[in-house]
Each structure stands twice: as structure tokens, then as C-alpha cells.
N, C-alpha and C. Protein backbone atom coordinates (compact mmCIF):
# COMPACT_ATOMS: atom_id res chain seq x y z
N UNK A 1 56.00 84.22 87.45
CA UNK A 1 56.71 85.40 87.83
C UNK A 1 56.20 86.69 87.38
N UNK A 2 55.70 87.58 88.58
CA UNK A 2 55.02 88.70 88.32
C UNK A 2 55.76 89.62 87.51
N UNK A 3 54.72 90.15 86.76
CA UNK A 3 55.20 91.63 85.93
C UNK A 3 55.64 92.49 86.68
N UNK A 4 56.89 93.16 86.54
CA UNK A 4 56.84 94.13 87.35
C UNK A 4 57.37 95.40 86.95
N UNK A 5 57.18 95.56 85.41
CA UNK A 5 57.56 96.72 84.59
C UNK A 5 56.44 97.20 84.08
N UNK A 6 56.48 98.43 83.95
CA UNK A 6 55.26 99.23 83.07
C UNK A 6 56.01 100.32 82.73
N UNK A 7 55.33 100.29 81.36
CA UNK A 7 55.94 101.37 80.27
C UNK A 7 54.92 102.53 80.31
N UNK A 8 55.28 103.59 80.43
CA UNK A 8 54.43 105.02 80.07
C UNK A 8 54.68 105.33 78.79
N UNK A 9 53.66 105.69 78.08
CA UNK A 9 53.70 105.59 76.55
C UNK A 9 53.99 107.22 75.96
N UNK A 10 55.28 107.81 76.54
CA UNK A 10 55.38 109.07 76.28
C UNK A 10 56.84 109.07 76.54
N UNK A 11 57.16 110.55 75.85
CA UNK A 11 58.31 110.83 75.86
C UNK A 11 58.56 112.31 76.85
N UNK A 12 57.70 112.52 76.91
CA UNK A 12 57.00 113.94 77.65
C UNK A 12 57.94 113.78 79.28
N UNK A 13 59.01 114.67 79.56
CA UNK A 13 59.45 114.15 81.01
C UNK A 13 58.61 114.94 81.99
N UNK A 14 57.80 116.01 81.71
CA UNK A 14 57.11 116.55 82.76
C UNK A 14 55.82 115.54 82.99
N UNK A 15 54.99 115.09 82.07
CA UNK A 15 54.11 113.87 82.37
C UNK A 15 54.56 112.62 82.84
N UNK A 16 56.11 112.34 82.54
CA UNK A 16 56.46 110.95 83.35
C UNK A 16 56.81 111.36 84.47
N UNK A 17 57.20 112.49 84.92
CA UNK A 17 57.69 112.81 86.50
C UNK A 17 56.18 112.74 87.29
N UNK A 18 55.25 113.58 86.67
CA UNK A 18 53.72 113.13 87.17
C UNK A 18 53.51 111.77 87.60
N UNK A 19 53.58 111.02 86.63
CA UNK A 19 53.11 109.43 87.10
C UNK A 19 53.94 108.73 87.81
N UNK A 20 55.34 108.95 87.63
CA UNK A 20 56.03 108.30 88.58
C UNK A 20 55.90 108.66 89.97
N UNK A 21 55.40 109.92 90.22
CA UNK A 21 55.30 110.42 91.87
C UNK A 21 53.97 109.79 92.34
N UNK A 22 53.38 109.71 91.37
CA UNK A 22 51.64 108.78 91.87
C UNK A 22 52.01 107.17 91.96
N UNK A 23 52.85 106.75 91.42
CA UNK A 23 53.15 105.42 91.57
C UNK A 23 54.45 105.05 92.53
N UNK A 24 55.13 106.26 93.01
CA UNK A 24 56.10 106.12 94.10
C UNK A 24 55.49 105.11 95.12
N UNK A 25 56.58 104.43 95.46
CA UNK A 25 56.18 103.31 96.75
C UNK A 25 55.83 101.83 96.20
N UNK A 26 55.44 101.71 94.95
CA UNK A 26 55.06 100.28 94.39
C UNK A 26 56.25 99.90 93.89
N UNK A 27 56.24 98.27 94.01
CA UNK A 27 57.68 97.40 93.86
C UNK A 27 57.41 97.54 92.21
N UNK A 28 57.83 98.64 91.37
CA UNK A 28 57.41 98.76 90.10
C UNK A 28 58.33 99.44 89.84
N UNK A 29 58.84 99.03 88.15
CA UNK A 29 59.88 99.71 87.55
C UNK A 29 59.34 100.62 86.44
N UNK A 30 59.03 101.98 86.74
CA UNK A 30 58.62 102.55 85.36
C UNK A 30 59.27 103.01 84.41
N UNK A 31 58.87 102.79 83.50
CA UNK A 31 59.65 103.27 82.00
C UNK A 31 58.92 103.93 81.27
N UNK A 32 59.75 104.50 80.41
CA UNK A 32 59.32 105.21 79.00
C UNK A 32 59.66 105.20 77.63
N UNK A 33 59.10 105.72 76.75
CA UNK A 33 59.51 105.28 75.43
C UNK A 33 60.98 105.78 75.17
N UNK A 34 61.47 106.62 76.17
CA UNK A 34 63.03 107.06 75.99
C UNK A 34 63.64 105.75 76.42
N UNK A 35 63.20 104.64 77.01
CA UNK A 35 63.92 103.84 77.44
C UNK A 35 63.75 102.74 75.99
N UNK A 36 63.19 102.84 75.34
CA UNK A 36 63.57 101.99 74.11
C UNK A 36 63.51 103.20 72.96
N UNK A 37 64.90 103.48 72.58
CA UNK A 37 65.39 104.22 71.75
C UNK A 37 64.67 103.89 70.29
N UNK A 38 64.59 102.75 69.76
CA UNK A 38 63.84 102.08 68.46
C UNK A 38 62.68 102.35 68.19
N UNK A 39 62.01 103.06 69.19
CA UNK A 39 60.40 102.95 69.03
C UNK A 39 60.16 104.32 68.27
N UNK A 40 59.56 104.05 67.07
CA UNK A 40 59.48 105.52 66.33
C UNK A 40 58.45 106.33 67.09
N UNK A 41 58.06 107.51 66.54
CA UNK A 41 57.05 108.43 66.93
C UNK A 41 55.84 107.70 66.62
N UNK A 42 55.00 108.07 67.61
CA UNK A 42 53.47 107.56 67.31
C UNK A 42 52.56 108.65 66.48
N UNK A 43 52.04 108.05 65.56
CA UNK A 43 51.04 109.45 65.03
C UNK A 43 49.70 109.24 65.62
N UNK A 44 49.43 110.37 66.57
CA UNK A 44 48.25 110.26 67.21
C UNK A 44 47.15 111.18 66.22
N UNK A 45 46.53 110.36 65.43
CA UNK A 45 45.61 110.69 64.19
C UNK A 45 43.85 110.55 65.10
N UNK A 46 43.80 110.17 66.09
CA UNK A 46 42.58 109.78 66.66
C UNK A 46 41.68 111.19 66.79
N UNK A 47 40.30 110.90 66.78
CA UNK A 47 39.51 112.13 66.85
C UNK A 47 39.20 112.47 68.18
N UNK A 48 39.59 111.75 69.25
CA UNK A 48 39.37 111.89 70.51
C UNK A 48 40.35 111.63 71.44
N UNK A 49 40.20 112.11 72.70
CA UNK A 49 41.51 111.55 73.53
C UNK A 49 41.30 110.23 73.67
N UNK A 50 40.38 109.57 73.88
CA UNK A 50 40.26 108.31 74.20
C UNK A 50 40.97 107.03 72.85
N UNK A 51 40.53 107.75 71.45
CA UNK A 51 41.18 107.07 70.74
C UNK A 51 42.82 107.48 70.50
N UNK A 52 43.28 108.46 70.86
CA UNK A 52 44.61 108.69 70.78
C UNK A 52 45.31 107.75 71.98
N UNK A 53 44.63 107.91 73.16
CA UNK A 53 45.36 106.90 74.20
C UNK A 53 45.30 105.51 74.10
N UNK A 54 44.14 104.82 73.28
CA UNK A 54 44.28 103.34 72.93
C UNK A 54 45.68 103.60 71.88
N UNK A 55 45.66 104.13 70.79
CA UNK A 55 46.60 104.08 69.75
C UNK A 55 47.99 104.22 70.39
N UNK A 56 48.50 104.98 71.30
CA UNK A 56 49.78 105.08 71.92
C UNK A 56 50.02 103.98 72.79
N UNK A 57 48.81 103.34 73.63
CA UNK A 57 49.36 102.53 74.39
C UNK A 57 49.19 101.16 73.69
N UNK A 58 48.54 100.87 73.01
CA UNK A 58 48.69 99.44 72.25
C UNK A 58 49.52 99.10 71.35
N UNK A 59 50.17 100.62 70.57
CA UNK A 59 51.63 100.46 69.86
C UNK A 59 52.64 100.06 70.81
N UNK A 60 52.53 100.85 71.66
CA UNK A 60 54.04 100.47 72.67
C UNK A 60 53.86 98.98 73.52
N UNK A 61 52.60 98.75 73.62
CA UNK A 61 52.43 97.34 74.48
C UNK A 61 52.92 96.22 73.41
N UNK A 62 52.54 96.59 72.26
CA UNK A 62 52.59 95.21 71.21
C UNK A 62 54.10 95.42 70.90
N UNK A 63 54.93 96.73 70.83
CA UNK A 63 56.27 96.70 70.69
C UNK A 63 57.29 96.08 71.82
N UNK A 64 56.68 96.34 72.88
CA UNK A 64 57.80 95.97 74.06
C UNK A 64 57.36 94.93 74.74
N UNK A 65 56.20 94.40 74.59
CA UNK A 65 55.55 93.21 75.14
C UNK A 65 55.12 93.61 76.58
N UNK A 66 55.45 94.52 77.32
CA UNK A 66 54.91 94.87 78.33
C UNK A 66 53.79 96.02 78.72
N UNK A 67 52.88 95.81 79.92
CA UNK A 67 51.90 96.06 80.11
C UNK A 67 52.15 97.99 79.90
N UNK A 68 51.65 98.69 79.11
CA UNK A 68 51.91 99.80 78.78
C UNK A 68 50.41 100.87 79.36
N UNK A 69 50.93 101.96 80.11
CA UNK A 69 49.72 103.03 80.16
C UNK A 69 50.17 104.37 79.32
N UNK A 70 49.02 104.46 78.50
CA UNK A 70 48.99 105.63 77.68
C UNK A 70 47.94 106.60 77.98
N UNK A 71 48.40 107.96 77.56
CA UNK A 71 47.22 108.80 77.89
C UNK A 71 47.12 109.98 76.99
N UNK A 72 46.04 110.64 76.57
CA UNK A 72 46.13 111.72 75.76
C UNK A 72 45.05 112.56 76.57
N UNK A 73 45.56 113.82 76.66
CA UNK A 73 44.87 114.81 77.50
C UNK A 73 44.83 116.06 77.10
N UNK A 74 44.30 117.12 77.42
CA UNK A 74 44.06 118.65 76.82
C UNK A 74 43.44 119.65 77.59
N UNK A 75 43.23 120.39 76.96
CA UNK A 75 42.48 121.77 77.71
C UNK A 75 41.21 121.70 76.82
N UNK A 76 39.92 121.91 77.63
CA UNK A 76 38.94 122.30 76.85
C UNK A 76 38.24 123.72 77.59
N UNK A 77 38.34 124.40 76.69
CA UNK A 77 37.83 125.92 76.84
C UNK A 77 36.15 126.15 76.30
N UNK A 78 35.53 126.37 77.58
CA UNK A 78 33.82 126.44 76.93
C UNK A 78 33.47 127.30 76.26
N UNK A 79 34.30 128.78 76.24
CA UNK A 79 34.25 129.73 75.19
C UNK A 79 34.79 129.47 73.87
N UNK A 80 35.72 128.72 73.79
CA UNK A 80 35.93 128.07 72.60
C UNK A 80 35.57 126.83 72.13
N UNK A 81 34.33 126.67 72.43
CA UNK A 81 33.57 125.35 71.90
C UNK A 81 34.38 124.50 72.36
N UNK A 82 35.21 123.91 73.33
CA UNK A 82 35.92 122.82 73.88
C UNK A 82 37.36 122.78 73.25
N UNK A 83 37.56 123.83 72.35
CA UNK A 83 39.20 123.87 71.95
C UNK A 83 40.00 124.33 72.88
N UNK A 84 41.24 124.01 72.76
CA UNK A 84 42.04 123.22 71.94
C UNK A 84 41.87 121.99 71.78
N UNK A 85 41.28 121.17 72.80
CA UNK A 85 40.66 119.60 73.04
C UNK A 85 41.71 118.81 72.49
N UNK A 86 41.61 117.93 71.65
CA UNK A 86 42.81 116.81 71.23
C UNK A 86 43.73 117.68 70.48
N UNK A 87 43.68 118.86 70.23
CA UNK A 87 44.93 119.61 69.50
C UNK A 87 45.63 120.10 70.48
N UNK A 88 45.38 120.33 71.70
CA UNK A 88 46.48 121.36 72.64
C UNK A 88 47.62 121.11 72.64
N UNK A 89 48.41 120.12 72.31
CA UNK A 89 49.73 120.11 71.95
C UNK A 89 50.52 121.13 71.04
N UNK A 90 49.79 120.85 69.88
CA UNK A 90 50.07 121.74 68.82
C UNK A 90 48.77 122.70 68.26
N UNK A 91 48.52 123.23 69.24
CA UNK A 91 47.12 124.37 69.20
C UNK A 91 48.07 125.70 68.14
N UNK A 92 49.12 125.92 68.27
CA UNK A 92 49.62 126.87 67.46
C UNK A 92 50.38 126.57 66.12
N UNK A 93 50.18 125.28 65.90
CA UNK A 93 51.12 124.34 64.88
C UNK A 93 52.08 123.82 65.30
N UNK A 94 52.84 123.38 64.36
CA UNK A 94 54.08 122.47 64.21
C UNK A 94 55.32 123.49 64.49
N UNK A 95 56.47 123.19 65.25
CA UNK A 95 56.31 121.78 66.18
C UNK A 95 55.62 122.60 67.60
N UNK A 96 55.40 121.43 68.50
CA UNK A 96 54.53 121.45 69.64
C UNK A 96 55.50 122.86 70.37
N UNK A 97 54.95 123.65 70.90
CA UNK A 97 55.66 124.59 71.75
C UNK A 97 54.49 125.28 72.76
N UNK A 98 55.00 125.12 73.87
CA UNK A 98 54.13 125.77 75.02
C UNK A 98 53.87 127.04 75.23
N UNK A 99 54.82 127.95 75.01
CA UNK A 99 55.14 129.27 74.89
C UNK A 99 53.87 130.04 73.81
N UNK A 100 54.06 129.32 72.59
CA UNK A 100 52.99 129.73 71.51
C UNK A 100 51.74 129.42 71.46
N UNK A 101 51.49 128.14 72.35
CA UNK A 101 50.39 127.87 72.52
C UNK A 101 49.37 128.74 73.69
N UNK A 102 50.27 129.19 74.66
CA UNK A 102 49.65 129.76 75.45
C UNK A 102 49.32 131.19 75.10
N UNK A 103 50.25 131.79 73.98
CA UNK A 103 50.06 132.94 73.40
C UNK A 103 48.74 133.24 72.66
N UNK A 104 48.41 131.77 71.88
CA UNK A 104 47.43 131.91 71.03
C UNK A 104 46.37 131.69 71.99
N UNK A 105 46.32 130.99 72.83
CA UNK A 105 44.94 130.93 73.72
C UNK A 105 44.47 132.29 74.52
N UNK A 106 45.41 133.09 74.89
CA UNK A 106 45.48 134.31 75.50
C UNK A 106 44.90 135.31 74.49
N UNK A 107 45.24 135.34 73.27
CA UNK A 107 44.83 136.28 72.24
C UNK A 107 43.31 135.75 72.12
N UNK A 108 43.25 134.62 71.85
CA UNK A 108 41.60 134.01 71.52
C UNK A 108 40.46 134.74 72.75
N UNK A 109 41.14 134.64 73.59
CA UNK A 109 40.47 135.04 74.94
C UNK A 109 40.31 136.54 75.39
N UNK A 110 41.12 137.35 74.66
CA UNK A 110 41.35 138.72 74.69
C UNK A 110 39.83 139.47 74.94
N UNK A 111 39.70 140.26 75.95
CA UNK A 111 38.46 140.82 76.39
C UNK A 111 37.18 139.50 77.06
N UNK A 112 37.35 138.47 77.04
CA UNK A 112 36.66 137.65 77.59
C UNK A 112 36.70 137.74 79.01
N UNK A 113 35.23 138.10 79.71
CA UNK A 113 35.34 138.13 81.03
C UNK A 113 35.52 136.96 82.05
N UNK A 114 35.64 136.88 82.98
CA UNK A 114 36.01 135.65 84.05
C UNK A 114 34.71 134.66 83.99
N UNK A 115 33.61 135.04 83.86
CA UNK A 115 32.43 134.12 83.90
C UNK A 115 32.46 133.12 82.41
N UNK A 116 32.93 133.74 81.51
CA UNK A 116 32.89 133.08 80.21
C UNK A 116 34.36 132.58 79.93
N UNK A 117 35.35 132.38 81.14
CA UNK A 117 36.40 131.74 80.91
C UNK A 117 36.79 130.41 81.51
N UNK A 118 35.66 129.67 81.62
CA UNK A 118 35.47 128.31 82.18
C UNK A 118 36.25 127.39 81.20
N UNK A 119 37.06 126.44 81.75
CA UNK A 119 37.59 125.25 81.40
C UNK A 119 37.97 124.19 81.93
N UNK A 120 38.43 122.86 81.26
CA UNK A 120 38.79 121.88 82.17
C UNK A 120 40.10 121.26 81.46
N UNK A 121 40.86 120.82 82.12
CA UNK A 121 41.85 119.58 81.63
C UNK A 121 41.30 118.11 81.81
N UNK A 122 41.28 117.28 80.63
CA UNK A 122 40.86 116.33 80.57
C UNK A 122 42.05 115.06 80.23
N UNK A 123 41.92 114.07 81.10
CA UNK A 123 42.84 113.28 80.68
C UNK A 123 42.08 111.59 80.63
N UNK A 124 42.22 110.97 79.22
CA UNK A 124 42.00 109.67 79.46
C UNK A 124 43.30 108.77 79.43
N UNK A 125 43.24 107.87 79.93
CA UNK A 125 44.03 106.96 80.23
C UNK A 125 43.50 105.39 79.63
N UNK A 126 44.50 104.88 78.65
CA UNK A 126 44.33 103.43 78.31
C UNK A 126 45.33 102.62 78.78
N UNK A 127 45.19 101.68 79.75
CA UNK A 127 46.02 100.42 79.95
C UNK A 127 45.94 99.49 79.21
N UNK A 128 46.99 99.14 78.44
CA UNK A 128 47.35 98.12 77.48
C UNK A 128 47.93 96.90 77.72
N UNK A 129 47.54 95.70 77.48
CA UNK A 129 48.04 94.63 77.74
C UNK A 129 48.45 94.31 76.23
N UNK A 130 49.83 93.51 76.47
CA UNK A 130 50.65 93.10 75.01
C UNK A 130 49.68 92.13 74.28
N UNK A 131 48.75 91.32 75.25
CA UNK A 131 47.87 90.59 74.11
C UNK A 131 46.68 91.12 73.59
N UNK A 132 46.80 92.66 73.84
CA UNK A 132 45.69 93.34 72.93
C UNK A 132 44.55 93.99 73.62
N UNK A 133 44.15 93.53 74.97
CA UNK A 133 43.07 93.84 75.85
C UNK A 133 43.39 95.42 76.01
N UNK A 134 42.39 96.33 76.69
CA UNK A 134 42.76 97.77 76.68
C UNK A 134 41.49 98.15 77.55
N UNK A 135 41.89 98.69 78.66
CA UNK A 135 41.13 99.43 79.85
C UNK A 135 41.27 100.78 79.79
N UNK A 136 39.93 101.68 79.77
CA UNK A 136 39.85 103.07 79.67
C UNK A 136 39.13 103.48 81.04
N UNK A 137 39.96 104.83 81.21
CA UNK A 137 39.48 105.45 82.45
C UNK A 137 39.48 107.08 82.02
N UNK A 138 39.11 107.90 82.96
CA UNK A 138 39.09 109.46 82.41
C UNK A 138 38.98 110.01 83.93
N UNK A 139 39.60 111.37 83.57
CA UNK A 139 39.89 112.14 84.93
C UNK A 139 39.76 113.79 84.55
N UNK A 140 38.97 114.47 85.17
CA UNK A 140 38.92 115.84 84.91
C UNK A 140 39.21 116.73 85.75
N UNK A 141 39.88 118.01 85.65
CA UNK A 141 40.28 119.18 86.73
C UNK A 141 39.75 120.54 86.21
N UNK A 142 38.77 120.94 86.95
CA UNK A 142 37.93 122.03 86.40
C UNK A 142 38.44 123.51 86.99
N UNK A 143 38.70 124.40 86.28
CA UNK A 143 38.99 125.91 86.57
C UNK A 143 38.67 126.92 85.55
N UNK A 144 39.42 127.64 85.46
CA UNK A 144 39.10 129.01 84.38
C UNK A 144 40.65 129.47 83.74
N UNK A 145 40.71 130.11 82.71
CA UNK A 145 41.82 130.50 82.10
C UNK A 145 41.97 132.06 82.43
N UNK A 146 43.40 132.37 83.07
CA UNK A 146 43.81 133.33 83.47
C UNK A 146 44.14 134.36 82.78
N UNK A 147 44.74 135.70 82.90
CA UNK A 147 44.92 136.77 81.80
C UNK A 147 46.61 136.58 81.61
N UNK A 148 47.30 135.83 82.34
CA UNK A 148 48.86 135.99 82.09
C UNK A 148 49.35 134.87 82.59
N UNK A 149 50.67 134.54 82.52
CA UNK A 149 51.32 133.19 82.76
C UNK A 149 52.07 133.35 84.05
N UNK A 150 51.44 132.50 85.13
CA UNK A 150 51.70 132.83 86.62
C UNK A 150 52.54 131.21 86.84
N UNK A 151 53.75 131.41 87.42
CA UNK A 151 54.18 130.00 88.14
C UNK A 151 55.31 129.23 87.21
N UNK A 152 56.01 128.69 87.97
CA UNK A 152 57.06 127.96 87.26
C UNK A 152 57.15 126.63 87.12
N UNK A 153 56.15 126.05 87.91
CA UNK A 153 56.06 124.48 87.94
C UNK A 153 55.13 124.13 86.94
N UNK A 154 55.18 122.48 86.79
CA UNK A 154 54.21 122.20 85.59
C UNK A 154 54.63 122.36 84.02
N UNK A 155 54.02 122.17 83.11
CA UNK A 155 54.08 122.36 81.73
C UNK A 155 53.02 122.81 80.88
N UNK A 156 52.87 122.81 79.57
CA UNK A 156 51.82 123.12 78.84
C UNK A 156 51.04 124.47 79.36
N UNK A 157 49.78 124.10 79.41
CA UNK A 157 48.92 125.31 80.03
C UNK A 157 48.68 125.64 81.31
N UNK A 158 49.62 124.71 82.19
CA UNK A 158 49.48 125.01 83.66
C UNK A 158 49.49 126.64 84.13
N UNK A 159 50.36 127.49 83.37
CA UNK A 159 50.55 128.63 84.01
C UNK A 159 49.49 129.37 83.89
N UNK A 160 48.57 128.98 82.89
CA UNK A 160 47.10 129.82 82.61
C UNK A 160 46.11 129.30 83.29
N UNK A 161 45.85 128.07 83.64
CA UNK A 161 44.84 127.43 84.40
C UNK A 161 44.90 127.80 85.67
N UNK A 162 43.88 128.69 85.98
CA UNK A 162 43.78 129.02 87.43
C UNK A 162 42.22 128.03 88.18
N UNK A 163 42.85 127.87 89.21
CA UNK A 163 41.98 126.66 90.20
C UNK A 163 41.13 127.49 91.10
N UNK A 164 39.72 127.17 90.80
CA UNK A 164 38.61 127.79 91.79
C UNK A 164 39.01 127.65 93.24
N UNK A 165 38.63 128.45 94.03
CA UNK A 165 38.80 128.61 95.28
C UNK A 165 40.30 128.23 95.82
N UNK A 166 41.44 128.58 94.95
CA UNK A 166 42.82 128.41 95.54
C UNK A 166 43.29 130.05 95.04
N UNK A 167 43.01 130.66 94.02
CA UNK A 167 43.33 131.92 93.35
C UNK A 167 45.04 131.55 93.13
N UNK A 168 45.24 130.24 92.62
CA UNK A 168 46.29 129.91 91.91
C UNK A 168 46.18 129.14 90.61
N UNK A 169 47.41 129.22 90.07
CA UNK A 169 47.40 128.16 88.81
C UNK A 169 48.21 127.11 89.13
N UNK A 170 47.68 126.22 88.02
CA UNK A 170 48.36 124.82 88.59
C UNK A 170 49.98 124.67 88.56
N UNK A 171 50.42 125.90 87.59
CA UNK A 171 52.03 125.91 87.68
C UNK A 171 52.47 126.53 89.04
N UNK A 172 51.87 126.97 89.99
CA UNK A 172 52.27 127.45 91.06
C UNK A 172 52.36 126.57 92.40
N UNK A 173 51.60 125.22 91.94
CA UNK A 173 51.49 124.33 93.06
C UNK A 173 52.81 123.15 92.71
N UNK A 174 53.30 122.54 93.95
CA UNK A 174 54.00 121.75 93.81
C UNK A 174 53.64 120.29 93.19
N UNK A 175 54.49 119.54 93.31
CA UNK A 175 54.24 118.41 92.21
C UNK A 175 53.40 117.62 93.19
N UNK A 176 53.42 117.42 94.43
CA UNK A 176 52.54 116.63 95.47
C UNK A 176 51.24 116.94 95.80
N UNK A 177 51.23 118.74 95.58
CA UNK A 177 49.90 119.23 95.64
C UNK A 177 49.09 118.86 94.37
N UNK A 178 49.82 119.33 93.32
CA UNK A 178 49.11 118.82 91.90
C UNK A 178 48.70 117.38 91.99
N UNK A 179 49.31 116.70 92.65
CA UNK A 179 48.82 115.27 92.28
C UNK A 179 47.74 114.77 92.98
N UNK A 180 47.28 115.73 94.01
CA UNK A 180 46.25 115.44 94.67
C UNK A 180 44.83 115.88 93.67
N UNK A 181 45.11 116.95 92.99
CA UNK A 181 44.01 117.31 92.28
C UNK A 181 43.92 117.35 90.64
N UNK A 182 44.87 117.00 90.13
CA UNK A 182 45.01 116.99 88.65
C UNK A 182 44.32 116.04 87.90
N UNK A 183 43.79 116.32 86.60
CA UNK A 183 42.88 115.35 85.66
C UNK A 183 43.87 114.01 85.57
N UNK A 184 45.16 114.09 85.41
CA UNK A 184 45.96 112.73 85.49
C UNK A 184 45.77 112.02 86.98
N UNK A 185 46.00 112.65 87.77
CA UNK A 185 45.68 112.03 88.96
C UNK A 185 44.51 111.33 89.36
N UNK A 186 43.69 112.06 88.94
CA UNK A 186 42.08 111.28 89.12
C UNK A 186 41.93 110.07 88.44
N UNK A 187 42.68 110.30 86.97
CA UNK A 187 42.43 109.23 85.80
C UNK A 187 43.49 107.92 86.51
N UNK A 188 44.54 108.21 86.94
CA UNK A 188 45.41 107.03 87.22
C UNK A 188 44.84 106.38 88.64
N UNK A 189 44.27 107.10 89.61
CA UNK A 189 43.33 106.66 90.71
C UNK A 189 42.54 105.35 90.20
N UNK A 190 42.01 105.97 89.41
CA UNK A 190 40.88 104.91 88.83
C UNK A 190 41.39 103.84 88.01
N UNK A 191 42.53 104.02 87.54
CA UNK A 191 43.36 103.02 86.43
C UNK A 191 43.96 102.03 87.56
N UNK A 192 44.48 102.68 88.60
CA UNK A 192 45.21 101.89 89.76
C UNK A 192 44.77 100.39 89.83
N UNK A 193 43.50 100.26 90.54
CA UNK A 193 43.31 98.83 90.57
C UNK A 193 43.60 97.93 89.54
N UNK A 194 43.13 98.06 88.57
CA UNK A 194 43.45 97.06 87.32
C UNK A 194 44.69 96.96 87.07
N UNK A 195 45.59 97.95 87.32
CA UNK A 195 47.31 98.16 86.94
C UNK A 195 47.57 97.07 87.95
N UNK A 196 47.25 97.32 89.07
CA UNK A 196 47.99 96.37 90.18
C UNK A 196 47.64 94.92 90.25
N UNK A 197 46.12 94.67 89.56
CA UNK A 197 46.06 93.31 89.50
C UNK A 197 46.73 92.72 88.50
N UNK A 198 46.86 93.31 87.27
CA UNK A 198 47.54 92.93 86.19
C UNK A 198 48.88 92.62 86.64
N UNK A 199 49.73 93.49 87.54
CA UNK A 199 50.98 93.41 87.65
C UNK A 199 51.42 92.27 88.83
N UNK A 200 50.00 92.03 89.29
CA UNK A 200 50.03 91.00 90.57
C UNK A 200 50.78 91.83 91.71
N UNK A 201 50.52 93.05 91.77
CA UNK A 201 50.91 94.12 93.13
C UNK A 201 49.85 94.35 93.98
N UNK A 202 50.15 94.07 95.24
CA UNK A 202 48.89 94.25 96.41
C UNK A 202 49.11 95.70 96.69
N UNK A 203 47.56 96.18 96.73
CA UNK A 203 47.57 97.39 96.97
C UNK A 203 48.22 98.38 98.46
N UNK A 204 49.10 97.97 98.78
CA UNK A 204 49.69 98.55 100.04
C UNK A 204 49.62 99.74 100.40
N UNK A 205 49.94 100.83 99.54
CA UNK A 205 50.10 102.08 99.80
C UNK A 205 49.03 103.17 99.55
N UNK A 206 48.93 104.10 100.60
CA UNK A 206 47.69 104.81 100.18
C UNK A 206 47.82 105.91 99.27
N UNK A 207 46.76 106.33 98.77
CA UNK A 207 46.49 107.15 97.59
C UNK A 207 45.88 108.39 97.83
N UNK A 208 46.60 109.25 97.38
CA UNK A 208 46.02 110.58 97.78
C UNK A 208 44.47 110.54 97.13
N UNK A 209 43.70 111.12 98.02
CA UNK A 209 42.09 111.41 97.60
C UNK A 209 42.33 112.78 96.83
N UNK A 210 42.28 112.51 95.25
CA UNK A 210 42.43 113.78 94.51
C UNK A 210 41.18 114.83 94.57
N UNK A 211 40.10 114.22 95.09
CA UNK A 211 38.95 115.65 95.30
C UNK A 211 39.35 116.21 96.54
N UNK A 212 39.68 115.75 97.58
CA UNK A 212 39.44 116.24 99.10
C UNK A 212 40.82 116.49 99.56
N UNK A 213 42.07 116.02 98.88
CA UNK A 213 43.67 116.27 99.28
C UNK A 213 43.63 115.48 100.51
N UNK A 214 43.30 114.35 100.75
CA UNK A 214 43.34 113.61 101.86
C UNK A 214 43.91 111.95 101.32
N UNK A 215 44.57 111.08 102.39
CA UNK A 215 45.02 109.95 101.73
C UNK A 215 44.27 108.85 102.49
N UNK A 216 43.93 107.83 102.02
CA UNK A 216 43.01 106.69 102.45
C UNK A 216 43.57 105.27 101.98
């Protein structure tokens, strides 16, 4: 019998909503770590996004016995030599707090001109099988850091992340539009063929073209 359950190795509701929306339409039950209350918190002690994604995905896959998608993602600001990077979630210290992270980022970029505020979101996804095999993909979204928080959608640094040629932040986009261009959407699009093959699901659904905003 084909496996029809997929676990997303997160308790982050915003991240889960994005992945669920991207996988909508498939005969697939999407679960999260919240559905397994006995799962302990995962110590993300890797030095790269890839290492952390693998740590999360393999741990949850082994504990649940289900195919698991784990990702680690973050913001890379060129003026800050790639920071906050893997420390994006706790950039301002413990506990993780979006408001304090954004305030710290704005303070570090005070007085920095537009041409030096280039940045990108990077997402590395690990698809882990319970038997131990893992598959890695990566997606990015280019932009720059604005001067104030704008928008009510999204989470994390979305209200500061300005999109080139749109004059909007990620936090001003509805979920459908964000899922056409986001780093997570790009990574998931790359992971989708392997995911469907492992779950024995036919790729019957169109998927947004994350670069051009069309379906194919």
C-alpha cells in the first residue's frame, strides 16, 4: 500500500501553512511535529542550512517511521557577510523573537544605502526516508532589506524583505502569490518529483512556476 502521509519537521505554523498550500490537491496527509507531542525539541547544531535540514528530517523520520521533509532556511544579508544566516531565527538571542530580530537587523543596517542592502532568503530542504536515505534540494529568493516593517502577512523577516521590481515586501503578498516566488516554494518544487515517487503518487497537479508566476 502506498504511503500517503508526510511529516513536516517543524512546529512553526507559518512554515507549515506555506508547505500545506504548496502540496494542496495531492492525496496526501500532511502532518507536523505538533501531531507527535512526544517528540522532543530538536537541537539544530549544524553549521550550515543543509546540516540542520538533515538533522531535523532524519530525526523525525526515524522517530515516526514516516517520510519526512525538513528544511532550514534563513536570511543572508550581503552587507553583513551573509549574516544572520543559520542564526536567523535567534539572531537577537533566546528565545526566538521576530520583532527583536527585525529590530536588530535594522539597527545593523542603519545608514546603509539601498545598493548595499542586497539580501536573499535561502531554503535547504532534506527529504528523509525512515530507512536513512536523504535527498537535498535548495531554493533562494533575491531582494533587499527595507527601512521599516511593512505588511501583515508572513512571518520572520518578511516585513523587511523587499522584492525587486515589485516595491512590496514578502509580508504584503497573499500566500498564493508568495508561493509563486518564495525560497521555500522553489526548494519544494525541486523536491516534489522525488517526494511523489517515494509516496507512489502520480504528479497530476500543476505546480506554480516559482520564477515566472505561471502554472505548468
